[in-house]
C-alpha atoms as a PDB file:
ATOM      1  CA  UNK A   1     110.806 168.694 142.079  1.00  0.00           C
ATOM      2  CA  UNK A   2     114.543 168.955 141.377  1.00  0.00           C
ATOM      3  CA  UNK A   3     116.326 171.050 143.989  1.00  0.00           C
ATOM      4  CA  UNK A   4     118.402 174.097 143.102  1.00  0.00           C
ATOM      5  CA  UNK A   5     121.968 173.756 144.322  1.00  0.00           C
ATOM      6  CA  UNK A   6     125.094 175.886 144.222  1.00  0.00           C
ATOM      7  CA  UNK A   7     127.428 174.398 141.585  1.00  0.00           C
ATOM      8  CA  UNK A   8     131.006 173.507 142.431  1.00  0.00           C
ATOM      9  CA  UNK A   9     131.889 172.973 138.774  1.00  0.00           C
ATOM     10  CA  UNK A  10     130.140 173.536 135.438  1.00  0.00           C
ATOM     11  CA  UNK A  11     130.677 171.984 132.016  1.00  0.00           C
ATOM     12  CA  UNK A  12     128.603 172.316 128.823  1.00  0.00           C
ATOM     13  CA  UNK A  13     128.422 170.168 125.703  1.00  0.00           C
ATOM     14  CA  UNK A  14     126.460 170.732 122.457  1.00  0.00           C
ATOM     15  CA  UNK A  15     123.858 168.117 121.530  1.00  0.00           C
ATOM     16  CA  UNK A  16     122.181 167.875 118.114  1.00  0.00           C
ATOM     17  CA  UNK A  17     118.790 166.139 118.147  1.00  0.00           C
ATOM     18  CA  UNK A  18     118.800 163.324 115.600  1.00  0.00           C
ATOM     19  CA  UNK A  19     115.711 161.671 114.168  1.00  0.00           C
ATOM     20  CA  UNK A  20     116.525 158.554 116.216  1.00  0.00           C
ATOM     21  CA  UNK A  21     116.208 160.655 119.401  1.00  0.00           C
ATOM     22  CA  UNK A  22     112.552 161.470 118.741  1.00  0.00           C
ATOM     23  CA  UNK A  23     109.309 159.602 119.377  1.00  0.00           C
ATOM     24  CA  UNK A  24     106.211 159.182 117.202  1.00  0.00           C
ATOM     25  CA  UNK A  25     105.114 162.702 118.159  1.00  0.00           C
ATOM     26  CA  UNK A  26     108.324 164.204 116.768  1.00  0.00           C
ATOM     27  CA  UNK A  27     109.763 165.259 120.132  1.00  0.00           C
ATOM     28  CA  UNK A  28     112.760 163.910 122.031  1.00  0.00           C
ATOM     29  CA  UNK A  29     111.811 160.663 123.770  1.00  0.00           C
ATOM     30  CA  UNK A  30     111.993 161.219 127.527  1.00  0.00           C
ATOM     31  CA  UNK A  31     114.656 158.549 128.192  1.00  0.00           C
ATOM     32  CA  UNK A  32     117.021 160.128 125.674  1.00  0.00           C
ATOM     33  CA  UNK A  33     117.546 163.111 127.966  1.00  0.00           C
ATOM     34  CA  UNK A  34     119.380 160.678 130.258  1.00  0.00           C
ATOM     35  CA  UNK A  35     121.691 159.848 127.341  1.00  0.00           C
ATOM     36  CA  UNK A  36     122.321 163.557 126.802  1.00  0.00           C
ATOM     37  CA  UNK A  37     123.161 163.935 130.501  1.00  0.00           C
ATOM     38  CA  UNK A  38     125.555 160.963 130.238  1.00  0.00           C
ATOM     39  CA  UNK A  39     127.344 162.517 127.258  1.00  0.00           C
ATOM     40  CA  UNK A  40     127.918 165.750 129.184  1.00  0.00           C
ATOM     41  CA  UNK A  41     129.373 163.902 132.182  1.00  0.00           C
ATOM     42  CA  UNK A  42     131.607 161.774 129.941  1.00  0.00           C
ATOM     43  CA  UNK A  43     132.849 164.794 127.990  1.00  0.00           C
ATOM     44  CA  UNK A  44     133.483 166.634 131.264  1.00  0.00           C
ATOM     45  CA  UNK A  45     135.797 163.815 132.363  1.00  0.00           C
ATOM     46  CA  UNK A  46     137.460 163.855 128.946  1.00  0.00           C
ATOM     47  CA  UNK A  47     137.985 167.631 129.171  1.00  0.00           C
ATOM     48  CA  UNK A  48     139.737 167.027 132.498  1.00  0.00           C
ATOM     49  CA  UNK A  49     142.023 164.536 130.719  1.00  0.00           C
ATOM     50  CA  UNK A  50     140.378 161.304 131.884  1.00  0.00           C
ATOM     51  CA  UNK A  51     138.989 158.564 129.664  1.00  0.00           C
ATOM     52  CA  UNK A  52     136.668 156.121 131.394  1.00  0.00           C
ATOM     53  CA  UNK A  53     138.332 153.057 129.857  1.00  0.00           C
ATOM     54  CA  UNK A  54     141.714 154.261 131.144  1.00  0.00           C
ATOM     55  CA  UNK A  55     140.261 154.818 134.629  1.00  0.00           C
ATOM     56  CA  UNK A  56     139.104 151.193 134.592  1.00  0.00           C
ATOM     57  CA  UNK A  57     142.413 149.830 133.263  1.00  0.00           C
ATOM     58  CA  UNK A  58     144.808 151.966 135.313  1.00  0.00           C
ATOM     59  CA  UNK A  59     142.888 152.609 138.534  1.00  0.00           C
ATOM     60  CA  UNK A  60     140.293 149.833 138.618  1.00  0.00           C
ATOM     61  CA  UNK A  61     137.378 152.256 139.053  1.00  0.00           C
ATOM     62  CA  UNK A  62     134.080 152.513 137.265  1.00  0.00           C
ATOM     63  CA  UNK A  63     131.357 155.124 137.654  1.00  0.00           C
ATOM     64  CA  UNK A  64     127.735 154.009 137.864  1.00  0.00           C
ATOM     65  CA  UNK A  65     124.481 155.899 138.211  1.00  0.00           C
ATOM     66  CA  UNK A  66     122.974 155.338 141.644  1.00  0.00           C
ATOM     67  CA  UNK A  67     119.877 157.518 141.315  1.00  0.00           C
ATOM     68  CA  UNK A  68     118.230 160.007 138.978  1.00  0.00           C
ATOM     69  CA  UNK A  69     115.642 162.701 139.605  1.00  0.00           C
ATOM     70  CA  UNK A  70     114.406 164.438 136.440  1.00  0.00           C
ATOM     71  CA  UNK A  71     111.950 167.220 135.613  1.00  0.00           C
ATOM     72  CA  UNK A  72     110.781 167.531 132.004  1.00  0.00           C
ATOM     73  CA  UNK A  73     109.759 171.127 131.337  1.00  0.00           C
ATOM     74  CA  UNK A  74     109.575 171.754 127.567  1.00  0.00           C
ATOM     75  CA  UNK A  75     109.935 169.536 124.489  1.00  0.00           C
ATOM     76  CA  UNK A  76     112.914 169.420 122.145  1.00  0.00           C
ATOM     77  CA  UNK A  77     112.449 168.487 118.493  1.00  0.00           C
ATOM     78  CA  UNK A  78     114.350 166.949 115.598  1.00  0.00           C
ATOM     79  CA  UNK A  79     117.447 168.832 114.392  1.00  0.00           C
ATOM     80  CA  UNK A  80     117.505 171.356 117.224  1.00  0.00           C
ATOM     81  CA  UNK A  81     120.833 172.271 118.772  1.00  0.00           C
ATOM     82  CA  UNK A  82     120.730 171.868 122.533  1.00  0.00           C
ATOM     83  CA  UNK A  83     123.246 172.321 125.313  1.00  0.00           C
ATOM     84  CA  UNK A  84     123.765 169.735 128.017  1.00  0.00           C
ATOM     85  CA  UNK A  85     125.361 170.952 131.234  1.00  0.00           C
ATOM     86  CA  UNK A  86     126.921 169.072 134.118  1.00  0.00           C
ATOM     87  CA  UNK A  87     127.567 170.763 137.451  1.00  0.00           C
ATOM     88  CA  UNK A  88     129.225 168.946 140.331  1.00  0.00           C
ATOM     89  CA  UNK A  89     127.229 169.991 143.389  1.00  0.00           C
ATOM     90  CA  UNK A  90     128.636 167.432 145.799  1.00  0.00           C
ATOM     91  CA  UNK A  91     131.919 165.528 145.746  1.00  0.00           C
ATOM     92  CA  UNK A  92     132.571 162.884 148.380  1.00  0.00           C
ATOM     93  CA  UNK A  93     135.195 160.182 148.755  1.00  0.00           C
ATOM     94  CA  UNK A  94     133.346 157.617 146.594  1.00  0.00           C
ATOM     95  CA  UNK A  95     130.450 159.539 145.058  1.00  0.00           C
ATOM     96  CA  UNK A  96     129.492 162.600 143.048  1.00  0.00           C
ATOM     97  CA  UNK A  97     126.221 164.445 142.652  1.00  0.00           C
ATOM     98  CA  UNK A  98     125.570 166.361 139.442  1.00  0.00           C
ATOM     99  CA  UNK A  99     122.945 169.001 138.704  1.00  0.00           C
ATOM    100  CA  UNK A 100     122.308 168.782 134.981  1.00  0.00           C
ATOM    101  CA  UNK A 101     120.235 170.712 132.458  1.00  0.00           C
ATOM    102  CA  UNK A 102     119.323 170.473 128.811  1.00  0.00           C
ATOM    103  CA  UNK A 103     118.754 173.922 127.352  1.00  0.00           C
ATOM    104  CA  UNK A 104     117.821 175.457 124.013  1.00  0.00           C
ATOM    105  CA  UNK A 105     118.937 179.054 123.914  1.00  0.00           C
ATOM    106  CA  UNK A 106     117.773 180.491 127.213  1.00  0.00           C
ATOM    107  CA  UNK A 107     115.054 177.881 127.772  1.00  0.00           C
ATOM    108  CA  UNK A 108     115.575 175.037 130.226  1.00  0.00           C
ATOM    109  CA  UNK A 109     113.947 171.954 128.694  1.00  0.00           C
ATOM    110  CA  UNK A 110     114.936 169.323 131.229  1.00  0.00           C
ATOM    111  CA  UNK A 111     116.830 169.298 134.507  1.00  0.00           C
ATOM    112  CA  UNK A 112     117.995 166.583 136.808  1.00  0.00           C
ATOM    113  CA  UNK A 113     119.997 165.534 139.820  1.00  0.00           C
ATOM    114  CA  UNK A 114     122.165 162.492 139.107  1.00  0.00           C
ATOM    115  CA  UNK A 115     124.003 160.615 141.860  1.00  0.00           C
ATOM    116  CA  UNK A 116     127.087 158.724 140.723  1.00  0.00           C
ATOM    117  CA  UNK A 117     128.928 156.063 142.708  1.00  0.00           C
ATOM    118  CA  UNK A 118     132.556 155.092 142.187  1.00  0.00           C
ATOM    119  CA  UNK A 119     133.009 151.321 142.317  1.00  0.00           C
ATOM    120  CA  UNK A 120     135.877 148.870 142.157  1.00  0.00           C
ATOM    121  CA  UNK A 121     135.682 147.549 138.586  1.00  0.00           C
ATOM    122  CA  UNK A 122     136.376 143.976 139.724  1.00  0.00           C
ATOM    123  CA  UNK A 123     134.246 143.625 142.831  1.00  0.00           C
ATOM    124  CA  UNK A 124     131.585 146.262 142.101  1.00  0.00           C
ATOM    125  CA  UNK A 125     131.910 147.552 145.670  1.00  0.00           C
ATOM    126  CA  UNK A 126     132.409 151.220 146.623  1.00  0.00           C
ATOM    127  CA  UNK A 127     135.920 152.541 146.028  1.00  0.00           C
ATOM    128  CA  UNK A 128     137.458 155.971 146.593  1.00  0.00           C
ATOM    129  CA  UNK A 129     137.609 158.251 143.580  1.00  0.00           C
ATOM    130  CA  UNK A 130     141.296 158.707 142.627  1.00  0.00           C
ATOM    131  CA  UNK A 131     142.489 161.947 144.261  1.00  0.00           C
ATOM    132  CA  UNK A 132     143.901 163.355 140.994  1.00  0.00           C
ATOM    133  CA  UNK A 133     140.378 163.123 139.538  1.00  0.00           C
ATOM    134  CA  UNK A 134     138.432 164.205 142.608  1.00  0.00           C
ATOM    135  CA  UNK A 135     140.317 167.464 143.233  1.00  0.00           C
ATOM    136  CA  UNK A 136     139.529 169.112 139.861  1.00  0.00           C
ATOM    137  CA  UNK A 137     135.865 168.149 140.235  1.00  0.00           C
ATOM    138  CA  UNK A 138     135.724 170.028 143.534  1.00  0.00           C
ATOM    139  CA  UNK A 139     136.919 173.306 142.009  1.00  0.00           C
ATOM    140  CA  UNK A 140     135.902 175.590 139.154  1.00  0.00           C
ATOM    141  CA  UNK A 141     138.133 175.283 136.100  1.00  0.00           C
END
């Protein structure tokens, strides 16, 4: 069961369900929720003014998923408009933990806890998150 945690930061992003997102039963394929979560985290960084390719080029850091815990609660279907949220619930020197949800209206369809590690892009070893990026993730904006 995914734990409830007090968010440090919240971001939302609209997601339209395309035909390619669905399985033979006409519902969103379970693995595609992870893609929706990824989009929300990427757009959150973008909203803070950070592109991942620039973080690699200028700071030599890359973010990787370390672990995922997901609960699937209700199905989503083709052409529905969903909302993906990303909430930073823990920010450490070289890692972040996100609580994420996929919702449709007031219904939570899927929720997860995603642990992200910051690595040196060259050596793939842990590296501190650049301070100018870490600080905004620790606070509401």
